[in-house]
Amino acid sequence: MKISKKLKNATFEYDEEAKTFFITDSNANKISLNKVYSFAFMRFVVRIAQRNWFRKQKTVDKAEEAMVSLEDEKQDHPDQLFMFEE
């Protein structure tokens, strides 16, 4: 069974019987990878995708006015929940 995915500039194809992964570009250049190299290629692609995904997710406010100062607030926050009041 062959699985293929055509994109604008490349075609990806996997042949389950031969256990090979083919990458074909728009100029008909073709690369074939055996199952070990195709697995290594897929791990590489997933790592790059995760790296780019997590890079977009991490945003940190570094402005000083956005930082919380505990020294200024000596009293308890009104939204705190007290279990036992004396």
PDB file of N, CA and C in Angstrom:
ATOM      1  N   MET A   1       0.833  -1.171   0.000  1.00  0.00           N
ATOM      2  CA  MET A   1       0.000   0.000   0.000  1.00  0.00           C
ATOM      3  C   MET A   1       0.883   1.243   0.000  1.00  0.00           C
ATOM      4  N   LYS A   2       0.567   2.182  -0.861  1.00  0.00           N
ATOM      5  CA  LYS A   2       1.323   3.418  -0.955  1.00  0.00           C
ATOM      6  C   LYS A   2       0.483   4.568  -0.418  1.00  0.00           C
ATOM      7  N   ILE A   3       1.133   5.407   0.355  1.00  0.00           N
ATOM      8  CA  ILE A   3       0.504   6.603   0.896  1.00  0.00           C
ATOM      9  C   ILE A   3       1.243   7.786   0.291  1.00  0.00           C
ATOM     10  N   SER A   4       0.505   8.730  -0.297  1.00  0.00           N
ATOM     11  CA  SER A   4       1.173   9.870  -0.909  1.00  0.00           C
ATOM     12  C   SER A   4       0.449  11.166  -0.552  1.00  0.00           C
ATOM     13  N   LYS A   5       1.220  12.213  -0.501  1.00  0.00           N
ATOM     14  CA  LYS A   5       0.707  13.547  -0.209  1.00  0.00           C
ATOM     15  C   LYS A   5       1.367  14.515  -1.182  1.00  0.00           C
ATOM     16  N   LYS A   6       0.554  15.183  -1.992  1.00  0.00           N
ATOM     17  CA  LYS A   6       1.080  16.143  -2.956  1.00  0.00           C
ATOM     18  C   LYS A   6       0.893  17.552  -2.419  1.00  0.00           C
ATOM     19  N   LEU A   7       1.957  18.303  -2.465  1.00  0.00           N
ATOM     20  CA  LEU A   7       1.932  19.708  -2.079  1.00  0.00           C
ATOM     21  C   LEU A   7       2.315  20.554  -3.293  1.00  0.00           C
ATOM     22  N   LYS A   8       2.423  21.842  -3.093  1.00  0.00           N
ATOM     23  CA  LYS A   8       2.711  22.750  -4.206  1.00  0.00           C
ATOM     24  C   LYS A   8       4.081  22.469  -4.822  1.00  0.00           C
ATOM     25  N   ASN A   9       5.109  22.303  -4.000  1.00  0.00           N
ATOM     26  CA  ASN A   9       6.473  22.152  -4.510  1.00  0.00           C
ATOM     27  C   ASN A   9       7.078  20.772  -4.275  1.00  0.00           C
ATOM     28  N   ALA A  10       6.366  19.871  -3.629  1.00  0.00           N
ATOM     29  CA  ALA A  10       6.942  18.557  -3.341  1.00  0.00           C
ATOM     30  C   ALA A  10       5.843  17.514  -3.194  1.00  0.00           C
ATOM     31  N   THR A  11       6.241  16.264  -3.363  1.00  0.00           N
ATOM     32  CA  THR A  11       5.350  15.127  -3.167  1.00  0.00           C
ATOM     33  C   THR A  11       6.034  14.158  -2.208  1.00  0.00           C
ATOM     34  N   PHE A  12       5.298  13.713  -1.202  1.00  0.00           N
ATOM     35  CA  PHE A  12       5.802  12.751  -0.231  1.00  0.00           C
ATOM     36  C   PHE A  12       5.065  11.447  -0.449  1.00  0.00           C
ATOM     37  N   GLU A  13       5.822  10.347  -0.458  1.00  0.00           N
ATOM     38  CA  GLU A  13       5.205   9.053  -0.714  1.00  0.00           C
ATOM     39  C   GLU A  13       5.860   8.001   0.176  1.00  0.00           C
ATOM     40  N   TYR A  14       5.023   7.128   0.747  1.00  0.00           N
ATOM     41  CA  TYR A  14       5.530   6.044   1.583  1.00  0.00           C
ATOM     42  C   TYR A  14       4.996   4.727   1.041  1.00  0.00           C
ATOM     43  N   ASP A  15       5.886   3.787   0.804  1.00  0.00           N
ATOM     44  CA  ASP A  15       5.521   2.464   0.314  1.00  0.00           C
ATOM     45  C   ASP A  15       5.667   1.487   1.478  1.00  0.00           C
ATOM     46  N   GLU A  16       4.534   0.953   1.950  1.00  0.00           N
ATOM     47  CA  GLU A  16       4.569   0.051   3.103  1.00  0.00           C
ATOM     48  C   GLU A  16       5.231  -1.280   2.801  1.00  0.00           C
ATOM     49  N   GLU A  17       5.074  -1.785   1.593  1.00  0.00           N
ATOM     50  CA  GLU A  17       5.666  -3.075   1.251  1.00  0.00           C
ATOM     51  C   GLU A  17       7.186  -3.001   1.202  1.00  0.00           C
ATOM     52  N   ALA A  18       7.718  -1.957   0.598  1.00  0.00           N
ATOM     53  CA  ALA A  18       9.166  -1.804   0.479  1.00  0.00           C
ATOM     54  C   ALA A  18       9.773  -1.072   1.680  1.00  0.00           C
ATOM     55  N   LYS A  19       8.920  -0.491   2.543  1.00  0.00           N
ATOM     56  CA  LYS A  19       9.362   0.288   3.710  1.00  0.00           C
ATOM     57  C   LYS A  19      10.292   1.427   3.298  1.00  0.00           C
ATOM     58  N   THR A  20       9.907   2.142   2.245  1.00  0.00           N
ATOM     59  CA  THR A  20      10.705   3.275   1.778  1.00  0.00           C
ATOM     60  C   THR A  20       9.853   4.532   1.730  1.00  0.00           C
ATOM     61  N   PHE A  21      10.518   5.653   1.931  1.00  0.00           N
ATOM     62  CA  PHE A  21       9.896   6.970   1.946  1.00  0.00           C
ATOM     63  C   PHE A  21      10.525   7.778   0.813  1.00  0.00           C
ATOM     64  N   PHE A  22       9.707   8.333  -0.078  1.00  0.00           N
ATOM     65  CA  PHE A  22      10.197   9.093  -1.219  1.00  0.00           C
ATOM     66  C   PHE A  22       9.787  10.559  -1.084  1.00  0.00           C
ATOM     67  N   ILE A  23      10.721  11.437  -1.421  1.00  0.00           N
ATOM     68  CA  ILE A  23      10.458  12.872  -1.488  1.00  0.00           C
ATOM     69  C   ILE A  23      10.792  13.304  -2.907  1.00  0.00           C
ATOM     70  N   THR A  24       9.815  13.890  -3.603  1.00  0.00           N
ATOM     71  CA  THR A  24      10.008  14.339  -4.975  1.00  0.00           C
ATOM     72  C   THR A  24       9.692  15.830  -5.030  1.00  0.00           C
ATOM     73  N   ASP A  25      10.626  16.615  -5.592  1.00  0.00           N
ATOM     74  CA  ASP A  25      10.358  18.050  -5.704  1.00  0.00           C
ATOM     75  C   ASP A  25       9.736  18.380  -7.058  1.00  0.00           C
ATOM     76  N   SER A  26       9.478  19.650  -7.302  1.00  0.00           N
ATOM     77  CA  SER A  26       8.799  20.074  -8.530  1.00  0.00           C
ATOM     78  C   SER A  26       9.649  19.872  -9.782  1.00  0.00           C
ATOM     79  N   ASN A  27      10.969  19.721  -9.631  1.00  0.00           N
ATOM     80  CA  ASN A  27      11.873  19.496 -10.772  1.00  0.00           C
ATOM     81  C   ASN A  27      12.092  18.010 -11.040  1.00  0.00           C
ATOM     82  N   ALA A  28      11.297  17.162 -10.416  1.00  0.00           N
ATOM     83  CA  ALA A  28      11.362  15.695 -10.554  1.00  0.00           C
ATOM     84  C   ALA A  28      12.617  15.099  -9.942  1.00  0.00           C
ATOM     85  N   ASN A  29      13.281  15.806  -9.042  1.00  0.00           N
ATOM     86  CA  ASN A  29      14.374  15.229  -8.271  1.00  0.00           C
ATOM     87  C   ASN A  29      13.763  14.366  -7.179  1.00  0.00           C
ATOM     88  N   LYS A  30      14.268  13.143  -7.034  1.00  0.00           N
ATOM     89  CA  LYS A  30      13.645  12.195  -6.116  1.00  0.00           C
ATOM     90  C   LYS A  30      14.677  11.649  -5.128  1.00  0.00           C
ATOM     91  N   ILE A  31      14.279  11.623  -3.859  1.00  0.00           N
ATOM     92  CA  ILE A  31      15.115  11.071  -2.804  1.00  0.00           C
ATOM     93  C   ILE A  31      14.360   9.907  -2.184  1.00  0.00           C
ATOM     94  N   SER A  32      15.041   8.787  -2.006  1.00  0.00           N
ATOM     95  CA  SER A  32      14.403   7.649  -1.343  1.00  0.00           C
ATOM     96  C   SER A  32      15.137   7.382  -0.033  1.00  0.00           C
ATOM     97  N   LEU A  33      14.372   7.175   1.023  1.00  0.00           N
ATOM     98  CA  LEU A  33      14.923   6.902   2.349  1.00  0.00           C
ATOM     99  C   LEU A  33      14.406   5.555   2.831  1.00  0.00           C
ATOM    100  N   ASN A  34      15.304   4.746   3.417  1.00  0.00           N
ATOM    101  CA  ASN A  34      14.828   3.492   4.000  1.00  0.00           C
ATOM    102  C   ASN A  34      14.142   3.791   5.323  1.00  0.00           C
ATOM    103  N   LYS A  35      13.646   2.777   6.015  1.00  0.00           N
ATOM    104  CA  LYS A  35      12.827   3.041   7.199  1.00  0.00           C
ATOM    105  C   LYS A  35      13.607   3.683   8.336  1.00  0.00           C
ATOM    106  N   VAL A  36      14.892   3.399   8.455  1.00  0.00           N
ATOM    107  CA  VAL A  36      15.697   4.019   9.518  1.00  0.00           C
ATOM    108  C   VAL A  36      15.877   5.506   9.248  1.00  0.00           C
ATOM    109  N   TYR A  37      16.245   5.847   8.023  1.00  0.00           N
ATOM    110  CA  TYR A  37      16.448   7.250   7.681  1.00  0.00           C
ATOM    111  C   TYR A  37      15.137   8.023   7.613  1.00  0.00           C
ATOM    112  N   SER A  38      14.072   7.362   7.196  1.00  0.00           N
ATOM    113  CA  SER A  38      12.785   8.061   7.174  1.00  0.00           C
ATOM    114  C   SER A  38      12.305   8.354   8.591  1.00  0.00           C
ATOM    115  N   PHE A  39      12.532   7.430   9.522  1.00  0.00           N
ATOM    116  CA  PHE A  39      12.177   7.680  10.915  1.00  0.00           C
ATOM    117  C   PHE A  39      13.005   8.827  11.487  1.00  0.00           C
ATOM    118  N   ALA A  40      14.303   8.855  11.170  1.00  0.00           N
ATOM    119  CA  ALA A  40      15.169   9.946  11.639  1.00  0.00           C
ATOM    120  C   ALA A  40      14.723  11.278  11.041  1.00  0.00           C
ATOM    121  N   PHE A  41      14.319  11.274   9.782  1.00  0.00           N
ATOM    122  CA  PHE A  41      13.831  12.495   9.138  1.00  0.00           C
ATOM    123  C   PHE A  41      12.547  12.983   9.800  1.00  0.00           C
ATOM    124  N   MET A  42      11.636  12.070  10.108  1.00  0.00           N
ATOM    125  CA  MET A  42      10.378  12.456  10.744  1.00  0.00           C
ATOM    126  C   MET A  42      10.619  12.995  12.153  1.00  0.00           C
ATOM    127  N   ARG A  43      11.548  12.398  12.887  1.00  0.00           N
ATOM    128  CA  ARG A  43      11.895  12.936  14.219  1.00  0.00           C
ATOM    129  C   ARG A  43      12.448  14.351  14.104  1.00  0.00           C
ATOM    130  N   PHE A  44      13.264  14.580  13.084  1.00  0.00           N
ATOM    131  CA  PHE A  44      13.806  15.916  12.848  1.00  0.00           C
ATOM    132  C   PHE A  44      12.693  16.914  12.554  1.00  0.00           C
ATOM    133  N   VAL A  45      11.753  16.535  11.701  1.00  0.00           N
ATOM    134  CA  VAL A  45      10.645  17.419  11.337  1.00  0.00           C
ATOM    135  C   VAL A  45       9.790  17.742  12.552  1.00  0.00           C
ATOM    136  N   VAL A  46       9.510  16.741  13.384  1.00  0.00           N
ATOM    137  CA  VAL A  46       8.693  16.966  14.584  1.00  0.00           C
ATOM    138  C   VAL A  46       9.414  17.885  15.556  1.00  0.00           C
ATOM    139  N   ARG A  47      10.712  17.699  15.717  1.00  0.00           N
ATOM    140  CA  ARG A  47      11.468  18.574  16.626  1.00  0.00           C
ATOM    141  C   ARG A  47      11.457  20.017  16.156  1.00  0.00           C
ATOM    142  N   ILE A  48      11.621  20.240  14.866  1.00  0.00           N
ATOM    143  CA  ILE A  48      11.594  21.601  14.336  1.00  0.00           C
ATOM    144  C   ILE A  48      10.208  22.208  14.513  1.00  0.00           C
ATOM    145  N   ALA A  49       9.163  21.420  14.272  1.00  0.00           N
ATOM    146  CA  ALA A  49       7.797  21.924  14.431  1.00  0.00           C
ATOM    147  C   ALA A  49       7.516  22.280  15.888  1.00  0.00           C
ATOM    148  N   GLN A  50       7.947  21.425  16.824  1.00  0.00           N
ATOM    149  CA  GLN A  50       7.741  21.719  18.243  1.00  0.00           C
ATOM    150  C   GLN A  50       8.539  22.936  18.663  1.00  0.00           C
ATOM    151  N   ARG A  51       9.744  23.055  18.160  1.00  0.00           N
ATOM    152  CA  ARG A  51      10.591  24.199  18.507  1.00  0.00           C
ATOM    153  C   ARG A  51       9.919  25.498  18.062  1.00  0.00           C
ATOM    154  N   ASN A  52       9.406  25.507  16.846  1.00  0.00           N
ATOM    155  CA  ASN A  52       8.732  26.705  16.348  1.00  0.00           C
ATOM    156  C   ASN A  52       7.431  26.962  17.088  1.00  0.00           C
ATOM    157  N   TRP A  53       6.699  25.902  17.457  1.00  0.00           N
ATOM    158  CA  TRP A  53       5.440  26.044  18.182  1.00  0.00           C
ATOM    159  C   TRP A  53       5.690  26.637  19.565  1.00  0.00           C
ATOM    160  N   PHE A  54       6.678  26.080  20.299  1.00  0.00           N
ATOM    161  CA  PHE A  54       6.933  26.554  21.652  1.00  0.00           C
ATOM    162  C   PHE A  54       7.571  27.933  21.647  1.00  0.00           C
ATOM    163  N   ARG A  55       8.283  28.269  20.612  1.00  0.00           N
ATOM    164  CA  ARG A  55       8.881  29.599  20.524  1.00  0.00           C
ATOM    165  C   ARG A  55       7.789  30.656  20.429  1.00  0.00           C
ATOM    166  N   LYS A  56       6.700  30.360  19.723  1.00  0.00           N
ATOM    167  CA  LYS A  56       5.587  31.298  19.609  1.00  0.00           C
ATOM    168  C   LYS A  56       4.812  31.394  20.919  1.00  0.00           C
ATOM    169  N   GLN A  57       4.772  30.321  21.696  1.00  0.00           N
ATOM    170  CA  GLN A  57       3.986  30.276  22.921  1.00  0.00           C
ATOM    171  C   GLN A  57       4.627  31.054  24.064  1.00  0.00           C
ATOM    172  N   LYS A  58       5.937  31.137  24.089  1.00  0.00           N
ATOM    173  CA  LYS A  58       6.631  31.758  25.207  1.00  0.00           C
ATOM    174  C   LYS A  58       6.719  33.266  25.009  1.00  0.00           C
ATOM    175  N   THR A  59       5.899  33.995  25.732  1.00  0.00           N
ATOM    176  CA  THR A  59       5.995  35.446  25.741  1.00  0.00           C
ATOM    177  C   THR A  59       6.105  35.875  27.199  1.00  0.00           C
ATOM    178  N   VAL A  60       7.089  36.667  27.492  1.00  0.00           N
ATOM    179  CA  VAL A  60       7.341  37.085  28.863  1.00  0.00           C
ATOM    180  C   VAL A  60       7.336  38.605  28.914  1.00  0.00           C
ATOM    181  N   ASP A  61       6.570  39.161  29.867  1.00  0.00           N
ATOM    182  CA  ASP A  61       6.599  40.603  30.090  1.00  0.00           C
ATOM    183  C   ASP A  61       7.867  40.941  30.845  1.00  0.00           C
ATOM    184  N   LYS A  62       8.672  41.771  30.270  1.00  0.00           N
ATOM    185  CA  LYS A  62       9.898  42.170  30.950  1.00  0.00           C
ATOM    186  C   LYS A  62       9.839  43.633  31.378  1.00  0.00           C
ATOM    187  N   ALA A  63       8.682  44.266  31.203  1.00  0.00           N
ATOM    188  CA  ALA A  63       8.533  45.650  31.619  1.00  0.00           C
ATOM    189  C   ALA A  63       8.471  45.706  33.142  1.00  0.00           C
ATOM    190  N   GLU A  64       9.133  46.668  33.734  1.00  0.00           N
ATOM    191  CA  GLU A  64       9.198  46.749  35.199  1.00  0.00           C
ATOM    192  C   GLU A  64       7.838  47.055  35.811  1.00  0.00           C
ATOM    193  N   GLU A  65       6.995  47.806  35.107  1.00  0.00           N
ATOM    194  CA  GLU A  65       5.679  48.124  35.660  1.00  0.00           C
ATOM    195  C   GLU A  65       4.769  46.906  35.686  1.00  0.00           C
ATOM    196  N   ALA A  66       5.091  45.858  34.918  1.00  0.00           N
ATOM    197  CA  ALA A  66       4.282  44.643  34.915  1.00  0.00           C
ATOM    198  C   ALA A  66       4.709  43.674  36.022  1.00  0.00           C
ATOM    199  N   MET A  67       5.852  43.926  36.643  1.00  0.00           N
ATOM    200  CA  MET A  67       6.346  43.040  37.693  1.00  0.00           C
ATOM    201  C   MET A  67       5.623  43.312  39.011  1.00  0.00           C
ATOM    202  N   VAL A  68       5.463  42.279  39.809  1.00  0.00           N
ATOM    203  CA  VAL A  68       4.795  42.395  41.098  1.00  0.00           C
ATOM    204  C   VAL A  68       5.844  42.593  42.176  1.00  0.00           C
ATOM    205  N   SER A  69       5.608  43.548  43.023  1.00  0.00           N
ATOM    206  CA  SER A  69       6.520  43.798  44.134  1.00  0.00           C
ATOM    207  C   SER A  69       5.836  43.367  45.423  1.00  0.00           C
ATOM    208  N   LEU A  70       6.440  42.450  46.137  1.00  0.00           N
ATOM    209  CA  LEU A  70       5.861  41.962  47.386  1.00  0.00           C
ATOM    210  C   LEU A  70       6.192  42.877  48.562  1.00  0.00           C
ATOM    211  N   GLU A  71       7.214  43.697  48.437  1.00  0.00           N
ATOM    212  CA  GLU A  71       7.611  44.567  49.526  1.00  0.00           C
ATOM    213  C   GLU A  71       6.608  45.687  49.747  1.00  0.00           C
ATOM    214  N   ASP A  72       5.937  46.136  48.681  1.00  0.00           N
ATOM    215  CA  ASP A  72       4.995  47.233  48.792  1.00  0.00           C
ATOM    216  C   ASP A  72       3.685  46.803  49.443  1.00  0.00           C
ATOM    217  N   GLU A  73       3.298  45.560  49.255  1.00  0.00           N
ATOM    218  CA  GLU A  73       2.018  45.081  49.774  1.00  0.00           C
ATOM    219  C   GLU A  73       2.240  44.326  51.086  1.00  0.00           C
ATOM    220  N   LYS A  74       1.935  44.973  52.187  1.00  0.00           N
ATOM    221  CA  LYS A  74       2.106  44.354  53.502  1.00  0.00           C
ATOM    222  C   LYS A  74       0.833  43.655  53.956  1.00  0.00           C
ATOM    223  N   GLN A  75      -0.317  44.012  53.396  1.00  0.00           N
ATOM    224  CA  GLN A  75      -1.575  43.415  53.825  1.00  0.00           C
ATOM    225  C   GLN A  75      -1.949  42.248  52.904  1.00  0.00           C
ATOM    226  N   ASP A  76      -2.857  41.415  53.392  1.00  0.00           N
ATOM    227  CA  ASP A  76      -3.308  40.265  52.623  1.00  0.00           C
ATOM    228  C   ASP A  76      -4.165  40.701  51.453  1.00  0.00           C
ATOM    229  N   HIS A  77      -4.162  39.914  50.439  1.00  0.00           N
ATOM    230  CA  HIS A  77      -4.974  40.182  49.263  1.00  0.00           C
ATOM    231  C   HIS A  77      -6.439  39.888  49.596  1.00  0.00           C
ATOM    232  N   PRO A  78      -7.390  40.737  49.186  1.00  0.00           N
ATOM    233  CA  PRO A  78      -8.799  40.516  49.553  1.00  0.00           C
ATOM    234  C   PRO A  78      -9.416  39.268  48.932  1.00  0.00           C
ATOM    235  N   ASP A  79      -8.847  38.745  47.867  1.00  0.00           N
ATOM    236  CA  ASP A  79      -9.387  37.549  47.238  1.00  0.00           C
ATOM    237  C   ASP A  79      -8.876  36.253  47.863  1.00  0.00           C
ATOM    238  N   GLN A  80      -7.987  36.377  48.859  1.00  0.00           N
ATOM    239  CA  GLN A  80      -7.462  35.169  49.488  1.00  0.00           C
ATOM    240  C   GLN A  80      -8.547  34.488  50.306  1.00  0.00           C
ATOM    241  N   LEU A  81      -8.446  33.197  50.403  1.00  0.00           N
ATOM    242  CA  LEU A  81      -9.417  32.405  51.142  1.00  0.00           C
ATOM    243  C   LEU A  81      -8.781  31.974  52.464  1.00  0.00           C
ATOM    244  N   PHE A  82      -9.435  32.309  53.575  1.00  0.00           N
ATOM    245  CA  PHE A  82      -8.932  31.918  54.875  1.00  0.00           C
ATOM    246  C   PHE A  82      -9.719  30.730  55.384  1.00  0.00           C
ATOM    247  N   MET A  83      -9.029  29.658  55.758  1.00  0.00           N
ATOM    248  CA  MET A  83      -9.699  28.456  56.254  1.00  0.00           C
ATOM    249  C   MET A  83     -10.166  28.671  57.700  1.00  0.00           C
ATOM    250  N   PHE A  84      -9.298  29.243  58.536  1.00  0.00           N
ATOM    251  CA  PHE A  84      -9.644  29.465  59.944  1.00  0.00           C
ATOM    252  C   PHE A  84      -9.405  30.928  60.262  1.00  0.00           C
ATOM    253  N   GLU A  85     -10.444  31.585  60.792  1.00  0.00           N
ATOM    254  CA  GLU A  85     -10.275  32.967  61.184  1.00  0.00           C
ATOM    255  C   GLU A  85     -10.272  33.036  62.708  1.00  0.00           C
ATOM    256  N   GLU A  86      -9.439  33.864  63.233  1.00  0.00           N
ATOM    257  CA  GLU A  86      -9.360  33.995  64.686  1.00  0.00           C
ATOM    258  C   GLU A  86      -9.919  35.312  65.118  1.00  0.00           C
TER     259      GLU A  86
END
